[in-house]
Amino acid sequence: MKRSIILYVLAAALIAFAAFKIVRNRQKSQSTAPVAAAQTLGADVYIARDTMVTYQVNSVGSLLANEHVQIQSEVSQRLVAIHFREGTFVPKGSLLFKLDDATLKAEMNKLRIQEGLAVQNESRDRVLLEKGGISQQIYDETLNKLMTLQAEIARIQVDIDKTEIRAPFAGRIGLRNVSEGAYVKPSDILTTLEDVSKIKLDFTVPERYAGSISTRQSVTFTISGSPVLYSAVIDAMEPSVDASTRNLKIRAVADNKEGKLIPGLSAKVFLDFREATPGMFIPSQCLIPVLKGYQVYAISQGLVKTIPVKAGIRTKESVQVLEGLSSGDTVVMTNLMRLRPGMKVQIVNSY
């Protein structure tokens, strides 16, 4: 009996102690809650304002020779001589290939002999015509024979000229694809010729930048495997945007006196633009992606609130805000992960 009473007393004491601890902890949490609510979070802020900015657009382009041509023969004939060394510079008009012209020259000699006789006949008949010794018809036939021979001589001379294949412009000659003695046809590519004193840079930009680009505008670019930054000047652009890609094709020209730029290389192109009118730009770190776009944390009367925004052009460090902010709004830059709407914020640095 006494043992049962002792057990009841111990159980009652344990229950009373547990109840005391619960009440004590509840009172403690209630006493510290106002303190926690009163705590503030320090952060850097940015004052939104209209500003003029320069931003950069990157693109990928290709290098092209200033002039490029595939050297081909206009006639089918045997190749008798090659007058250049592969990979060297050749002046405009220099002889590159010589085709066999023996048959053409023989025919030319024959026509020259016939022309000489025709000239004499025309001279005699002209004197006779003046004296009334022959009719006008006979003289006209003699003159026609002379003119026909001269026309044939001119045609043969054109064919002879075609056996000499010359450089259409000054440039660097490529590798030859034929050897002396080969029978070449008009479809055969004998070699290539490129003018690389200047290099063309072809690239595209999205349609949104089409109105900001003009000729004589400078661009910079790098080539694969080299840290050197080259410069070029926009020379021309397509008159319309490509409907399938919504891009505008642009061509710039770069000087290549040192010969370090090789046609066919890819290039990373950098274009700097300046806004024509002031715009609202904030640091990129202020922008918070959400399900339906973007938002920022702003401070109003010392408390944090979220503002949905519409983003526009991006630069390396800034982003344009098209909708949502007004000039003078205070936007939070740091501690974004710890902020919640309604929290108090202590401004550490203002920019």
C-alpha atoms as a PDB file:
ATOM      1  CA  MET A   1       0.000   0.000   0.000  1.00  0.00           C
ATOM      2  CA  LYS A   2       2.763   2.382   0.901  1.00  0.00           C
ATOM      3  CA  ARG A   3       4.599   1.437  -2.283  1.00  0.00           C
ATOM      4  CA  SER A   4       1.601   2.394  -4.429  1.00  0.00           C
ATOM      5  CA  ILE A   5       1.297   5.765  -2.724  1.00  0.00           C
ATOM      6  CA  ILE A   6       4.963   6.487  -3.397  1.00  0.00           C
ATOM      7  CA  LEU A   7       4.555   5.657  -7.087  1.00  0.00           C
ATOM      8  CA  TYR A   8       1.522   7.960  -7.368  1.00  0.00           C
ATOM      9  CA  VAL A   9       3.454  10.797  -5.749  1.00  0.00           C
ATOM     10  CA  LEU A  10       6.418  10.359  -8.114  1.00  0.00           C
ATOM     11  CA  ALA A  11       4.172  10.319 -11.164  1.00  0.00           C
ATOM     12  CA  ALA A  12       2.389  13.469 -10.067  1.00  0.00           C
ATOM     13  CA  ALA A  13       5.740  15.177  -9.476  1.00  0.00           C
ATOM     14  CA  LEU A  14       6.977  14.266 -12.999  1.00  0.00           C
ATOM     15  CA  ILE A  15       3.785  15.569 -14.595  1.00  0.00           C
ATOM     16  CA  ALA A  16       4.031  18.824 -12.670  1.00  0.00           C
ATOM     17  CA  PHE A  17       7.692  19.277 -13.678  1.00  0.00           C
ATOM     18  CA  ALA A  18       6.915  18.678 -17.393  1.00  0.00           C
ATOM     19  CA  ALA A  19       4.062  21.188 -17.292  1.00  0.00           C
ATOM     20  CA  PHE A  20       6.358  23.742 -15.645  1.00  0.00           C
ATOM     21  CA  LYS A  21       8.992  23.330 -18.418  1.00  0.00           C
ATOM     22  CA  ILE A  22       6.399  23.766 -21.190  1.00  0.00           C
ATOM     23  CA  VAL A  23       5.029  26.946 -19.665  1.00  0.00           C
ATOM     24  CA  ARG A  24       8.555  28.289 -19.044  1.00  0.00           C
ATOM     25  CA  ASN A  25       9.647  27.659 -22.647  1.00  0.00           C
ATOM     26  CA  ARG A  26       6.502  29.292 -24.021  1.00  0.00           C
ATOM     27  CA  GLN A  27       7.086  32.390 -21.902  1.00  0.00           C
ATOM     28  CA  LYS A  28      10.704  32.529 -23.065  1.00  0.00           C
ATOM     29  CA  SER A  29       9.809  32.308 -26.772  1.00  0.00           C
ATOM     30  CA  GLN A  30       7.160  34.991 -26.342  1.00  0.00           C
ATOM     31  CA  SER A  31       9.624  37.289 -24.620  1.00  0.00           C
ATOM     32  CA  THR A  32      12.247  36.881 -27.414  1.00  0.00           C
ATOM     33  CA  ALA A  33       9.814  37.174 -30.347  1.00  0.00           C
ATOM     34  CA  PRO A  34       9.623  40.962 -30.279  1.00  0.00           C
ATOM     35  CA  VAL A  35      13.384  41.105 -30.190  1.00  0.00           C
ATOM     36  CA  ALA A  36      13.674  38.922 -33.323  1.00  0.00           C
ATOM     37  CA  ALA A  37      11.018  40.925 -35.089  1.00  0.00           C
ATOM     38  CA  ALA A  38      12.826  44.091 -34.222  1.00  0.00           C
ATOM     39  CA  GLN A  39      16.099  42.899 -35.788  1.00  0.00           C
ATOM     40  CA  THR A  40      17.051  44.468 -39.159  1.00  0.00           C
ATOM     41  CA  LEU A  41      19.088  43.149 -42.089  1.00  0.00           C
ATOM     42  CA  GLY A  42      21.917  45.206 -43.599  1.00  0.00           C
ATOM     43  CA  ALA A  43      22.158  45.479 -47.396  1.00  0.00           C
ATOM     44  CA  ASP A  44      23.589  47.599 -50.207  1.00  0.00           C
ATOM     45  CA  VAL A  45      21.087  49.444 -52.374  1.00  0.00           C
ATOM     46  CA  TYR A  46      20.976  51.139 -55.780  1.00  0.00           C
ATOM     47  CA  ILE A  47      18.957  54.254 -56.550  1.00  0.00           C
ATOM     48  CA  ALA A  48      17.199  53.685 -59.887  1.00  0.00           C
ATOM     49  CA  ARG A  49      17.634  56.544 -62.376  1.00  0.00           C
ATOM     50  CA  ASP A  50      17.640  57.232 -66.092  1.00  0.00           C
ATOM     51  CA  THR A  51      21.124  56.978 -67.581  1.00  0.00           C
ATOM     52  CA  MET A  52      22.962  56.675 -70.894  1.00  0.00           C
ATOM     53  CA  VAL A  53      24.827  53.391 -71.214  1.00  0.00           C
ATOM     54  CA  THR A  54      27.131  51.702 -73.699  1.00  0.00           C
ATOM     55  CA  TYR A  55      26.481  48.006 -74.098  1.00  0.00           C
ATOM     56  CA  GLN A  56      28.198  45.291 -76.082  1.00  0.00           C
ATOM     57  CA  VAL A  57      26.714  42.683 -78.412  1.00  0.00           C
ATOM     58  CA  ASN A  58      28.690  39.558 -79.293  1.00  0.00           C
ATOM     59  CA  SER A  59      28.436  37.600 -82.524  1.00  0.00           C
ATOM     60  CA  VAL A  60      30.303  34.916 -84.443  1.00  0.00           C
ATOM     61  CA  GLY A  61      31.626  35.643 -87.927  1.00  0.00           C
ATOM     62  CA  SER A  62      33.837  34.302 -90.689  1.00  0.00           C
ATOM     63  CA  LEU A  63      36.891  35.790 -92.385  1.00  0.00           C
ATOM     64  CA  LEU A  64      36.856  36.099 -96.178  1.00  0.00           C
ATOM     65  CA  ALA A  65      39.457  37.243 -98.685  1.00  0.00           C
ATOM     66  CA  ASN A  66      38.999  40.724-100.098  1.00  0.00           C
ATOM     67  CA  GLU A  67      38.889  39.118-103.563  1.00  0.00           C
ATOM     68  CA  HIS A  68      38.786  35.410-104.412  1.00  0.00           C
ATOM     69  CA  VAL A  69      38.709  33.626-107.763  1.00  0.00           C
ATOM     70  CA  GLN A  70      39.141  30.108-109.082  1.00  0.00           C
ATOM     71  CA  ILE A  71      41.475  30.120-112.075  1.00  0.00           C
ATOM     72  CA  GLN A  72      40.017  28.132-114.993  1.00  0.00           C
ATOM     73  CA  SER A  73      40.672  27.879-118.702  1.00  0.00           C
ATOM     74  CA  GLU A  74      38.156  29.189-121.217  1.00  0.00           C
ATOM     75  CA  VAL A  75      39.202  26.583-123.808  1.00  0.00           C
ATOM     76  CA  SER A  76      40.097  22.916-123.872  1.00  0.00           C
ATOM     77  CA  GLN A  77      43.793  22.607-124.673  1.00  0.00           C
ATOM     78  CA  ARG A  78      47.070  21.074-123.573  1.00  0.00           C
ATOM     79  CA  LEU A  79      48.999  22.901-120.842  1.00  0.00           C
ATOM     80  CA  VAL A  80      52.550  23.670-121.961  1.00  0.00           C
ATOM     81  CA  ALA A  81      53.915  25.989-119.229  1.00  0.00           C
ATOM     82  CA  ILE A  82      53.315  27.148-115.638  1.00  0.00           C
ATOM     83  CA  HIS A  83      54.736  30.586-114.823  1.00  0.00           C
ATOM     84  CA  PHE A  84      54.322  30.944-111.051  1.00  0.00           C
ATOM     85  CA  ARG A  85      55.464  29.458-107.771  1.00  0.00           C
ATOM     86  CA  GLU A  86      52.726  28.188-105.468  1.00  0.00           C
ATOM     87  CA  GLY A  87      51.856  30.394-102.495  1.00  0.00           C
ATOM     88  CA  THR A  88      53.622  33.493-103.809  1.00  0.00           C
ATOM     89  CA  PHE A  89      52.379  36.981-104.584  1.00  0.00           C
ATOM     90  CA  VAL A  90      51.609  37.684-108.241  1.00  0.00           C
ATOM     91  CA  PRO A  91      50.935  41.125-109.799  1.00  0.00           C
ATOM     92  CA  LYS A  92      47.774  41.881-111.765  1.00  0.00           C
ATOM     93  CA  GLY A  93      48.036  40.689-115.380  1.00  0.00           C
ATOM     94  CA  SER A  94      50.993  38.358-114.781  1.00  0.00           C
ATOM     95  CA  LEU A  95      51.051  35.171-116.867  1.00  0.00           C
ATOM     96  CA  LEU A  96      50.051  32.102-114.830  1.00  0.00           C
ATOM     97  CA  PHE A  97      49.484  29.302-117.378  1.00  0.00           C
ATOM     98  CA  LYS A  98      50.308  28.907-121.066  1.00  0.00           C
ATOM     99  CA  LEU A  99      48.272  26.563-123.266  1.00  0.00           C
ATOM    100  CA  ASP A 100      49.329  25.097-126.614  1.00  0.00           C
ATOM    101  CA  ASP A 101      48.663  27.645-129.393  1.00  0.00           C
ATOM    102  CA  ALA A 102      50.696  26.123-132.254  1.00  0.00           C
ATOM    103  CA  THR A 103      47.644  25.271-134.371  1.00  0.00           C
ATOM    104  CA  LEU A 104      46.120  28.698-133.837  1.00  0.00           C
ATOM    105  CA  LYS A 105      49.333  30.483-134.811  1.00  0.00           C
ATOM    106  CA  ALA A 106      49.643  28.399-137.972  1.00  0.00           C
ATOM    107  CA  GLU A 107      46.120  29.319-138.929  1.00  0.00           C
ATOM    108  CA  MET A 108      46.917  32.939-138.148  1.00  0.00           C
ATOM    109  CA  ASN A 109      49.917  32.886-140.500  1.00  0.00           C
ATOM    110  CA  LYS A 110      47.736  31.502-143.268  1.00  0.00           C
ATOM    111  CA  LEU A 111      45.176  34.232-142.783  1.00  0.00           C
ATOM    112  CA  ARG A 112      47.861  36.922-142.715  1.00  0.00           C
ATOM    113  CA  ILE A 113      49.090  35.790-146.190  1.00  0.00           C
ATOM    114  CA  GLN A 114      45.560  35.826-147.540  1.00  0.00           C
ATOM    115  CA  GLU A 115      45.022  39.245-145.994  1.00  0.00           C
ATOM    116  CA  GLY A 116      48.072  40.611-147.823  1.00  0.00           C
ATOM    117  CA  LEU A 117      46.724  39.492-151.197  1.00  0.00           C
ATOM    118  CA  ALA A 118      43.259  40.813-150.326  1.00  0.00           C
ATOM    119  CA  VAL A 119      44.725  44.235-149.499  1.00  0.00           C
ATOM    120  CA  GLN A 120      46.431  44.402-152.897  1.00  0.00           C
ATOM    121  CA  ASN A 121      43.263  43.365-154.714  1.00  0.00           C
ATOM    122  CA  GLU A 122      41.228  45.978-152.845  1.00  0.00           C
ATOM    123  CA  SER A 123      43.775  48.667-153.702  1.00  0.00           C
ATOM    124  CA  ARG A 124      43.749  47.804-157.445  1.00  0.00           C
ATOM    125  CA  ASP A 125      39.965  47.564-157.672  1.00  0.00           C
ATOM    126  CA  ARG A 126      39.567  50.899-155.890  1.00  0.00           C
ATOM    127  CA  VAL A 127      41.734  52.578-158.584  1.00  0.00           C
ATOM    128  CA  LEU A 128      39.780  50.842-161.357  1.00  0.00           C
ATOM    129  CA  LEU A 129      36.495  51.896-159.759  1.00  0.00           C
ATOM    130  CA  GLU A 130      37.629  55.522-159.711  1.00  0.00           C
ATOM    131  CA  LYS A 131      38.512  55.290-163.432  1.00  0.00           C
ATOM    132  CA  GLY A 132      35.294  53.472-164.293  1.00  0.00           C
ATOM    133  CA  GLY A 133      37.068  50.238-165.179  1.00  0.00           C
ATOM    134  CA  ILE A 134      34.887  48.059-162.900  1.00  0.00           C
ATOM    135  CA  SER A 135      31.458  48.254-161.379  1.00  0.00           C
ATOM    136  CA  GLN A 136      30.682  49.162-157.793  1.00  0.00           C
ATOM    137  CA  GLN A 137      29.467  45.595-157.185  1.00  0.00           C
ATOM    138  CA  ILE A 138      32.814  44.045-158.123  1.00  0.00           C
ATOM    139  CA  TYR A 139      34.669  46.451-155.822  1.00  0.00           C
ATOM    140  CA  ASP A 140      32.255  45.736-152.956  1.00  0.00           C
ATOM    141  CA  GLU A 141      32.900  41.981-153.298  1.00  0.00           C
ATOM    142  CA  THR A 142      36.671  42.553-153.173  1.00  0.00           C
ATOM    143  CA  LEU A 143      36.331  44.780-150.092  1.00  0.00           C
ATOM    144  CA  ASN A 144      34.069  42.231-148.412  1.00  0.00           C
ATOM    145  CA  LYS A 145      36.686  39.479-148.837  1.00  0.00           C
ATOM    146  CA  LEU A 146      39.282  41.701-147.172  1.00  0.00           C
ATOM    147  CA  MET A 147      37.031  42.583-144.265  1.00  0.00           C
ATOM    148  CA  THR A 148      36.040  38.929-143.777  1.00  0.00           C
ATOM    149  CA  LEU A 149      39.693  37.905-143.565  1.00  0.00           C
ATOM    150  CA  GLN A 150      40.406  40.661-141.056  1.00  0.00           C
ATOM    151  CA  ALA A 151      37.456  39.574-138.892  1.00  0.00           C
ATOM    152  CA  GLU A 152      38.700  35.970-138.958  1.00  0.00           C
ATOM    153  CA  ILE A 153      42.170  37.169-137.941  1.00  0.00           C
ATOM    154  CA  ALA A 154      40.652  39.024-134.987  1.00  0.00           C
ATOM    155  CA  ARG A 155      38.770  35.892-133.914  1.00  0.00           C
ATOM    156  CA  ILE A 156      41.899  33.765-134.085  1.00  0.00           C
ATOM    157  CA  GLN A 157      43.761  36.391-132.048  1.00  0.00           C
ATOM    158  CA  VAL A 158      41.097  36.134-129.342  1.00  0.00           C
ATOM    159  CA  ASP A 159      41.555  32.338-129.255  1.00  0.00           C
ATOM    160  CA  ILE A 160      45.333  32.800-128.991  1.00  0.00           C
ATOM    161  CA  ASP A 161      44.868  35.252-126.112  1.00  0.00           C
ATOM    162  CA  LYS A 162      42.760  32.654-124.304  1.00  0.00           C
ATOM    163  CA  THR A 163      45.759  30.294-124.276  1.00  0.00           C
ATOM    164  CA  GLU A 164      47.478  32.748-121.915  1.00  0.00           C
ATOM    165  CA  ILE A 165      45.794  32.625-118.502  1.00  0.00           C
ATOM    166  CA  ARG A 166      46.671  35.751-116.518  1.00  0.00           C
ATOM    167  CA  ALA A 167      45.997  37.011-112.982  1.00  0.00           C
ATOM    168  CA  PRO A 168      42.820  39.160-112.944  1.00  0.00           C
ATOM    169  CA  PHE A 169      44.092  41.054-109.872  1.00  0.00           C
ATOM    170  CA  ALA A 170      47.138  41.176-107.626  1.00  0.00           C
ATOM    171  CA  GLY A 171      47.135  38.590-104.879  1.00  0.00           C
ATOM    172  CA  ARG A 172      48.511  35.400-103.423  1.00  0.00           C
ATOM    173  CA  ILE A 173      48.337  32.362-105.683  1.00  0.00           C
ATOM    174  CA  GLY A 174      47.229  29.038-104.260  1.00  0.00           C
ATOM    175  CA  LEU A 175      48.287  25.446-104.891  1.00  0.00           C
ATOM    176  CA  ARG A 176      48.090  24.274-108.491  1.00  0.00           C
ATOM    177  CA  ASN A 177      45.978  21.248-109.379  1.00  0.00           C
ATOM    178  CA  VAL A 178      47.572  20.460-112.757  1.00  0.00           C
ATOM    179  CA  SER A 179      51.005  19.785-114.216  1.00  0.00           C
ATOM    180  CA  GLU A 180      52.610  20.700-117.524  1.00  0.00           C
ATOM    181  CA  GLY A 181      51.421  18.423-120.326  1.00  0.00           C
ATOM    182  CA  ALA A 182      47.937  17.951-118.879  1.00  0.00           C
ATOM    183  CA  TYR A 183      44.923  18.455-121.122  1.00  0.00           C
ATOM    184  CA  VAL A 184      42.760  21.012-119.357  1.00  0.00           C
ATOM    185  CA  LYS A 185      39.072  21.739-119.854  1.00  0.00           C
ATOM    186  CA  PRO A 186      36.953  24.756-118.852  1.00  0.00           C
ATOM    187  CA  SER A 187      35.504  22.777-115.935  1.00  0.00           C
ATOM    188  CA  ASP A 188      38.952  22.168-114.402  1.00  0.00           C
ATOM    189  CA  ILE A 189      40.021  24.381-111.482  1.00  0.00           C
ATOM    190  CA  LEU A 190      43.705  25.041-112.126  1.00  0.00           C
ATOM    191  CA  THR A 191      44.430  27.031-108.950  1.00  0.00           C
ATOM    192  CA  THR A 192      43.010  29.824-106.809  1.00  0.00           C
ATOM    193  CA  LEU A 193      43.968  33.472-106.390  1.00  0.00           C
ATOM    194  CA  GLU A 194      43.152  35.593-103.335  1.00  0.00           C
ATOM    195  CA  ASP A 195      43.700  39.220-102.450  1.00  0.00           C
ATOM    196  CA  VAL A 196      44.382  39.184 -98.688  1.00  0.00           C
ATOM    197  CA  SER A 197      45.695  42.733 -98.308  1.00  0.00           C
ATOM    198  CA  LYS A 198      42.307  43.336 -96.700  1.00  0.00           C
ATOM    199  CA  ILE A 199      40.020  40.836 -95.008  1.00  0.00           C
ATOM    200  CA  LYS A 200      36.235  40.812 -95.081  1.00  0.00           C
ATOM    201  CA  LEU A 201      34.446  39.900 -91.843  1.00  0.00           C
ATOM    202  CA  ASP A 202      30.900  38.587 -92.299  1.00  0.00           C
ATOM    203  CA  PHE A 203      28.646  38.220 -89.241  1.00  0.00           C
ATOM    204  CA  THR A 204      25.013  38.630 -88.171  1.00  0.00           C
ATOM    205  CA  VAL A 205      23.179  40.444 -85.376  1.00  0.00           C
ATOM    206  CA  PRO A 206      19.604  39.999 -84.112  1.00  0.00           C
ATOM    207  CA  GLU A 207      16.972  42.191 -85.713  1.00  0.00           C
ATOM    208  CA  ARG A 208      16.512  44.285 -82.543  1.00  0.00           C
ATOM    209  CA  TYR A 209      19.912  45.904 -83.195  1.00  0.00           C
ATOM    210  CA  ALA A 210      19.380  46.533 -86.918  1.00  0.00           C
ATOM    211  CA  GLY A 211      18.408  50.162 -86.429  1.00  0.00           C
ATOM    212  CA  SER A 212      21.500  50.888 -84.307  1.00  0.00           C
ATOM    213  CA  ILE A 213      24.075  49.806 -86.905  1.00  0.00           C
ATOM    214  CA  SER A 214      25.547  52.060 -89.578  1.00  0.00           C
ATOM    215  CA  THR A 215      28.362  51.931 -92.101  1.00  0.00           C
ATOM    216  CA  ARG A 216      31.786  53.187 -90.980  1.00  0.00           C
ATOM    217  CA  GLN A 217      30.992  51.910 -87.483  1.00  0.00           C
ATOM    218  CA  SER A 218      33.954  50.206 -85.809  1.00  0.00           C
ATOM    219  CA  VAL A 219      33.887  46.639 -84.493  1.00  0.00           C
ATOM    220  CA  THR A 220      36.507  44.503 -82.790  1.00  0.00           C
ATOM    221  CA  PHE A 221      37.099  40.781 -83.111  1.00  0.00           C
ATOM    222  CA  THR A 222      39.379  37.933 -82.104  1.00  0.00           C
ATOM    223  CA  ILE A 223      40.289  34.781 -83.997  1.00  0.00           C
ATOM    224  CA  SER A 224      40.599  31.247 -82.698  1.00  0.00           C
ATOM    225  CA  GLY A 225      43.871  30.526 -80.939  1.00  0.00           C
ATOM    226  CA  SER A 226      44.945  34.157 -80.589  1.00  0.00           C
ATOM    227  CA  PRO A 227      44.313  36.698 -77.799  1.00  0.00           C
ATOM    228  CA  VAL A 228      45.006  39.637 -80.143  1.00  0.00           C
ATOM    229  CA  LEU A 229      42.082  42.052 -80.545  1.00  0.00           C
ATOM    230  CA  TYR A 230      41.692  43.193 -84.162  1.00  0.00           C
ATOM    231  CA  SER A 231      39.572  46.071 -85.446  1.00  0.00           C
ATOM    232  CA  ALA A 232      37.409  46.394 -88.542  1.00  0.00           C
ATOM    233  CA  VAL A 233      35.006  48.930 -90.031  1.00  0.00           C
ATOM    234  CA  ILE A 234      31.502  48.078 -91.211  1.00  0.00           C
ATOM    235  CA  ASP A 235      31.450  48.479 -94.986  1.00  0.00           C
ATOM    236  CA  ALA A 236      28.001  47.219 -95.961  1.00  0.00           C
ATOM    237  CA  MET A 237      24.963  45.285 -94.784  1.00  0.00           C
ATOM    238  CA  GLU A 238      22.058  43.454 -96.330  1.00  0.00           C
ATOM    239  CA  PRO A 239      19.093  45.715 -97.131  1.00  0.00           C
ATOM    240  CA  SER A 240      16.687  43.454 -95.235  1.00  0.00           C
ATOM    241  CA  VAL A 241      16.566  41.062 -92.269  1.00  0.00           C
ATOM    242  CA  ASP A 242      16.621  37.334 -93.012  1.00  0.00           C
ATOM    243  CA  ALA A 243      13.037  36.185 -92.507  1.00  0.00           C
ATOM    244  CA  SER A 244      14.051  32.662 -91.441  1.00  0.00           C
ATOM    245  CA  THR A 245      16.635  33.604 -88.797  1.00  0.00           C
ATOM    246  CA  ARG A 246      15.480  37.162 -87.950  1.00  0.00           C
ATOM    247  CA  ASN A 247      19.118  38.259 -88.217  1.00  0.00           C
ATOM    248  CA  LEU A 248      20.787  41.015 -90.221  1.00  0.00           C
ATOM    249  CA  LYS A 249      23.931  40.108 -92.180  1.00  0.00           C
ATOM    250  CA  ILE A 250      26.773  42.613 -91.940  1.00  0.00           C
ATOM    251  CA  ARG A 251      30.157  42.866 -93.665  1.00  0.00           C
ATOM    252  CA  ALA A 252      33.135  44.685 -92.151  1.00  0.00           C
ATOM    253  CA  VAL A 253      36.614  45.148 -93.620  1.00  0.00           C
ATOM    254  CA  ALA A 254      39.891  44.838 -91.687  1.00  0.00           C
ATOM    255  CA  ASP A 255      43.406  45.770 -92.766  1.00  0.00           C
ATOM    256  CA  ASN A 256      45.724  42.773 -93.165  1.00  0.00           C
ATOM    257  CA  LYS A 257      49.084  44.254 -94.068  1.00  0.00           C
ATOM    258  CA  GLU A 258      50.871  41.872 -91.693  1.00  0.00           C
ATOM    259  CA  GLY A 259      49.094  38.861 -93.200  1.00  0.00           C
ATOM    260  CA  LYS A 260      48.057  37.357 -89.849  1.00  0.00           C
ATOM    261  CA  LEU A 261      44.390  37.082 -90.778  1.00  0.00           C
ATOM    262  CA  ILE A 262      43.662  34.010 -92.891  1.00  0.00           C
ATOM    263  CA  PRO A 263      40.438  33.615 -94.913  1.00  0.00           C
ATOM    264  CA  GLY A 264      38.184  30.865 -93.601  1.00  0.00           C
ATOM    265  CA  LEU A 265      38.924  31.401 -89.907  1.00  0.00           C
ATOM    266  CA  SER A 266      36.064  31.946 -87.493  1.00  0.00           C
ATOM    267  CA  ALA A 267      35.965  35.135 -85.453  1.00  0.00           C
ATOM    268  CA  LYS A 268      34.260  36.330 -82.288  1.00  0.00           C
ATOM    269  CA  VAL A 269      32.888  39.801 -82.985  1.00  0.00           C
ATOM    270  CA  PHE A 270      32.208  42.555 -80.441  1.00  0.00           C
ATOM    271  CA  LEU A 271      29.963  45.547 -81.216  1.00  0.00           C
ATOM    272  CA  ASP A 272      29.594  48.483 -78.846  1.00  0.00           C
ATOM    273  CA  PHE A 273      26.292  50.354 -78.896  1.00  0.00           C
ATOM    274  CA  ARG A 274      25.180  53.521 -77.138  1.00  0.00           C
ATOM    275  CA  GLU A 275      21.528  54.125 -76.380  1.00  0.00           C
ATOM    276  CA  ALA A 276      20.107  57.056 -78.317  1.00  0.00           C
ATOM    277  CA  THR A 277      17.893  58.067 -75.363  1.00  0.00           C
ATOM    278  CA  PRO A 278      18.367  57.625 -71.583  1.00  0.00           C
ATOM    279  CA  GLY A 279      17.017  54.418 -70.089  1.00  0.00           C
ATOM    280  CA  MET A 280      16.446  52.874 -66.661  1.00  0.00           C
ATOM    281  CA  PHE A 281      19.353  50.544 -65.863  1.00  0.00           C
ATOM    282  CA  ILE A 282      20.027  48.685 -62.598  1.00  0.00           C
ATOM    283  CA  PRO A 283      22.816  46.249 -61.609  1.00  0.00           C
ATOM    284  CA  SER A 284      22.195  42.757 -62.964  1.00  0.00           C
ATOM    285  CA  GLN A 285      22.513  41.262 -59.466  1.00  0.00           C
ATOM    286  CA  CYS A 286      19.315  43.043 -58.416  1.00  0.00           C
ATOM    287  CA  LEU A 287      17.219  41.020 -60.845  1.00  0.00           C
ATOM    288  CA  ILE A 288      15.459  37.940 -59.374  1.00  0.00           C
ATOM    289  CA  PRO A 289      14.037  35.304 -61.769  1.00  0.00           C
ATOM    290  CA  VAL A 290      10.496  34.189 -60.931  1.00  0.00           C
ATOM    291  CA  LEU A 291       7.928  31.976 -62.600  1.00  0.00           C
ATOM    292  CA  LYS A 292       6.366  34.766 -64.678  1.00  0.00           C
ATOM    293  CA  GLY A 293       9.495  36.799 -65.425  1.00  0.00           C
ATOM    294  CA  TYR A 294      11.582  38.907 -63.066  1.00  0.00           C
ATOM    295  CA  GLN A 295      11.191  40.906 -59.879  1.00  0.00           C
ATOM    296  CA  VAL A 296      13.310  43.098 -57.606  1.00  0.00           C
ATOM    297  CA  TYR A 297      13.348  43.864 -53.884  1.00  0.00           C
ATOM    298  CA  ALA A 298      12.717  47.541 -53.249  1.00  0.00           C
ATOM    299  CA  ILE A 299      12.647  49.515 -49.995  1.00  0.00           C
ATOM    300  CA  SER A 300       9.653  51.634 -49.149  1.00  0.00           C
ATOM    301  CA  GLN A 301       9.473  53.359 -45.739  1.00  0.00           C
ATOM    302  CA  GLY A 302      12.248  51.117 -44.451  1.00  0.00           C
ATOM    303  CA  LEU A 303      10.465  47.855 -45.344  1.00  0.00           C
ATOM    304  CA  VAL A 304      11.120  45.393 -48.145  1.00  0.00           C
ATOM    305  CA  LYS A 305       8.589  44.858 -50.920  1.00  0.00           C
ATOM    306  CA  THR A 306       8.711  42.940 -54.215  1.00  0.00           C
ATOM    307  CA  ILE A 307       8.135  44.714 -57.550  1.00  0.00           C
ATOM    308  CA  PRO A 308       7.590  42.773 -60.828  1.00  0.00           C
ATOM    309  CA  VAL A 309       9.724  44.234 -63.634  1.00  0.00           C
ATOM    310  CA  LYS A 310      10.170  43.784 -67.369  1.00  0.00           C
ATOM    311  CA  ALA A 311      13.815  43.397 -68.433  1.00  0.00           C
ATOM    312  CA  GLY A 312      15.288  44.761 -71.659  1.00  0.00           C
ATOM    313  CA  ILE A 313      18.856  45.113 -72.934  1.00  0.00           C
ATOM    314  CA  ARG A 314      21.638  43.552 -70.881  1.00  0.00           C
ATOM    315  CA  THR A 315      25.217  44.753 -70.555  1.00  0.00           C
ATOM    316  CA  LYS A 316      28.111  43.130 -68.709  1.00  0.00           C
ATOM    317  CA  GLU A 317      27.027  44.695 -65.406  1.00  0.00           C
ATOM    318  CA  SER A 318      23.562  46.184 -65.919  1.00  0.00           C
ATOM    319  CA  VAL A 319      20.108  45.327 -67.166  1.00  0.00           C
ATOM    320  CA  GLN A 320      17.524  47.674 -68.609  1.00  0.00           C
ATOM    321  CA  VAL A 321      14.171  47.888 -66.811  1.00  0.00           C
ATOM    322  CA  LEU A 322      11.368  48.687 -69.232  1.00  0.00           C
ATOM    323  CA  GLU A 323       8.475  48.491 -66.766  1.00  0.00           C
ATOM    324  CA  GLY A 324       8.014  48.371 -62.988  1.00  0.00           C
ATOM    325  CA  LEU A 325      10.457  50.953 -61.615  1.00  0.00           C
ATOM    326  CA  SER A 326      10.466  54.728 -61.462  1.00  0.00           C
ATOM    327  CA  SER A 327      13.379  57.097 -61.136  1.00  0.00           C
ATOM    328  CA  GLY A 328      14.345  57.371 -57.455  1.00  0.00           C
ATOM    329  CA  ASP A 329      13.195  53.886 -56.383  1.00  0.00           C
ATOM    330  CA  THR A 330      15.588  52.164 -53.961  1.00  0.00           C
ATOM    331  CA  VAL A 331      16.503  48.650 -55.132  1.00  0.00           C
ATOM    332  CA  VAL A 332      18.291  46.117 -52.908  1.00  0.00           C
ATOM    333  CA  MET A 333      21.580  44.730 -54.293  1.00  0.00           C
ATOM    334  CA  THR A 334      22.853  42.310 -51.596  1.00  0.00           C
ATOM    335  CA  ASN A 335      21.491  39.727 -49.126  1.00  0.00           C
ATOM    336  CA  LEU A 336      18.694  38.905 -51.559  1.00  0.00           C
ATOM    337  CA  MET A 337      18.464  35.269 -50.402  1.00  0.00           C
ATOM    338  CA  ARG A 338      17.746  36.328 -46.806  1.00  0.00           C
ATOM    339  CA  LEU A 339      15.180  39.008 -47.581  1.00  0.00           C
ATOM    340  CA  ARG A 340      11.447  38.586 -47.231  1.00  0.00           C
ATOM    341  CA  PRO A 341       8.639  41.069 -47.947  1.00  0.00           C
ATOM    342  CA  GLY A 342       7.930  43.211 -44.907  1.00  0.00           C
ATOM    343  CA  MET A 343      11.405  42.887 -43.358  1.00  0.00           C
ATOM    344  CA  LYS A 344      13.278  45.972 -42.175  1.00  0.00           C
ATOM    345  CA  VAL A 345      16.482  46.811 -44.032  1.00  0.00           C
ATOM    346  CA  GLN A 346      19.402  48.909 -42.854  1.00  0.00           C
ATOM    347  CA  ILE A 347      21.169  50.564 -45.772  1.00  0.00           C
ATOM    348  CA  VAL A 348      24.910  49.845 -45.648  1.00  0.00           C
ATOM    349  CA  ASN A 349      26.010  51.396 -48.979  1.00  0.00           C
ATOM    350  CA  SER A 350      23.985  53.371 -51.499  1.00  0.00           C
ATOM    351  CA  TYR A 351      24.948  53.642 -55.181  1.00  0.00           C
END
